[in-house]
C-alpha atoms as a PDB file:
ATOM      1  CA  UNK A   1     -15.673 212.904  29.333  1.00  0.00           C
ATOM      2  CA  UNK A   2     -13.322 209.950  29.749  1.00  0.00           C
ATOM      3  CA  UNK A   3      -9.718 210.819  30.485  1.00  0.00           C
ATOM      4  CA  UNK A   4      -8.329 207.289  30.618  1.00  0.00           C
ATOM      5  CA  UNK A   5      -7.598 206.673  26.957  1.00  0.00           C
ATOM      6  CA  UNK A   6      -5.154 207.794  24.301  1.00  0.00           C
ATOM      7  CA  UNK A   7      -6.672 209.281  21.169  1.00  0.00           C
ATOM      8  CA  UNK A   8      -3.476 210.193  19.308  1.00  0.00           C
ATOM      9  CA  UNK A   9       0.176 209.451  20.025  1.00  0.00           C
ATOM     10  CA  UNK A  10       2.827 210.005  17.355  1.00  0.00           C
ATOM     11  CA  UNK A  11       6.230 208.301  17.123  1.00  0.00           C
ATOM     12  CA  UNK A  12       8.557 207.707  14.216  1.00  0.00           C
ATOM     13  CA  UNK A  13       9.520 204.123  13.376  1.00  0.00           C
ATOM     14  CA  UNK A  14      12.400 203.019  11.168  1.00  0.00           C
ATOM     15  CA  UNK A  15      10.543 200.181   9.429  1.00  0.00           C
ATOM     16  CA  UNK A  16       7.039 198.844   8.862  1.00  0.00           C
ATOM     17  CA  UNK A  17       8.059 195.860  10.999  1.00  0.00           C
ATOM     18  CA  UNK A  18       8.776 198.252  13.883  1.00  0.00           C
ATOM     19  CA  UNK A  19       5.309 199.758  13.447  1.00  0.00           C
ATOM     20  CA  UNK A  20       3.695 196.317  13.582  1.00  0.00           C
ATOM     21  CA  UNK A  21       5.780 195.406  16.642  1.00  0.00           C
ATOM     22  CA  UNK A  22       4.687 198.632  18.400  1.00  0.00           C
ATOM     23  CA  UNK A  23       1.035 197.844  17.654  1.00  0.00           C
ATOM     24  CA  UNK A  24       1.430 194.340  19.061  1.00  0.00           C
ATOM     25  CA  UNK A  25       3.153 195.637  22.200  1.00  0.00           C
ATOM     26  CA  UNK A  26       0.331 198.137  22.792  1.00  0.00           C
ATOM     27  CA  UNK A  27      -2.287 195.417  22.383  1.00  0.00           C
ATOM     28  CA  UNK A  28      -0.417 193.060  24.727  1.00  0.00           C
ATOM     29  CA  UNK A  29      -0.200 195.868  27.294  1.00  0.00           C
ATOM     30  CA  UNK A  30      -3.989 196.046  27.432  1.00  0.00           C
ATOM     31  CA  UNK A  31      -4.682 199.045  25.199  1.00  0.00           C
ATOM     32  CA  UNK A  32      -7.828 198.635  23.122  1.00  0.00           C
ATOM     33  CA  UNK A  33      -6.782 199.383  19.542  1.00  0.00           C
ATOM     34  CA  UNK A  34      -9.765 200.327  17.424  1.00  0.00           C
ATOM     35  CA  UNK A  35      -8.066 200.522  14.022  1.00  0.00           C
ATOM     36  CA  UNK A  36      -5.590 198.461  12.084  1.00  0.00           C
ATOM     37  CA  UNK A  37      -2.477 199.688  10.326  1.00  0.00           C
ATOM     38  CA  UNK A  38      -3.374 202.148   7.593  1.00  0.00           C
ATOM     39  CA  UNK A  39      -1.997 205.019   5.552  1.00  0.00           C
ATOM     40  CA  UNK A  40      -3.111 208.648   5.844  1.00  0.00           C
ATOM     41  CA  UNK A  41      -4.293 209.871   2.423  1.00  0.00           C
ATOM     42  CA  UNK A  42      -2.881 213.369   2.806  1.00  0.00           C
ATOM     43  CA  UNK A  43       0.697 212.669   3.942  1.00  0.00           C
ATOM     44  CA  UNK A  44       1.055 208.910   3.213  1.00  0.00           C
ATOM     45  CA  UNK A  45       2.094 208.321   6.852  1.00  0.00           C
ATOM     46  CA  UNK A  46       1.409 204.853   8.277  1.00  0.00           C
ATOM     47  CA  UNK A  47      -0.417 204.573  11.577  1.00  0.00           C
ATOM     48  CA  UNK A  48      -2.614 202.330  13.700  1.00  0.00           C
END
């Protein structure tokens, strides 16, 4: 089992722009992001 990755990390952002900026910062920091920005069907929360 690999212990050097993040599977789920939850933060609240004020705007969609902040969410996109956070995704870009993670990618620039070397994290492999396997999914784009999307919306959860059950709670309508945005995530990446």
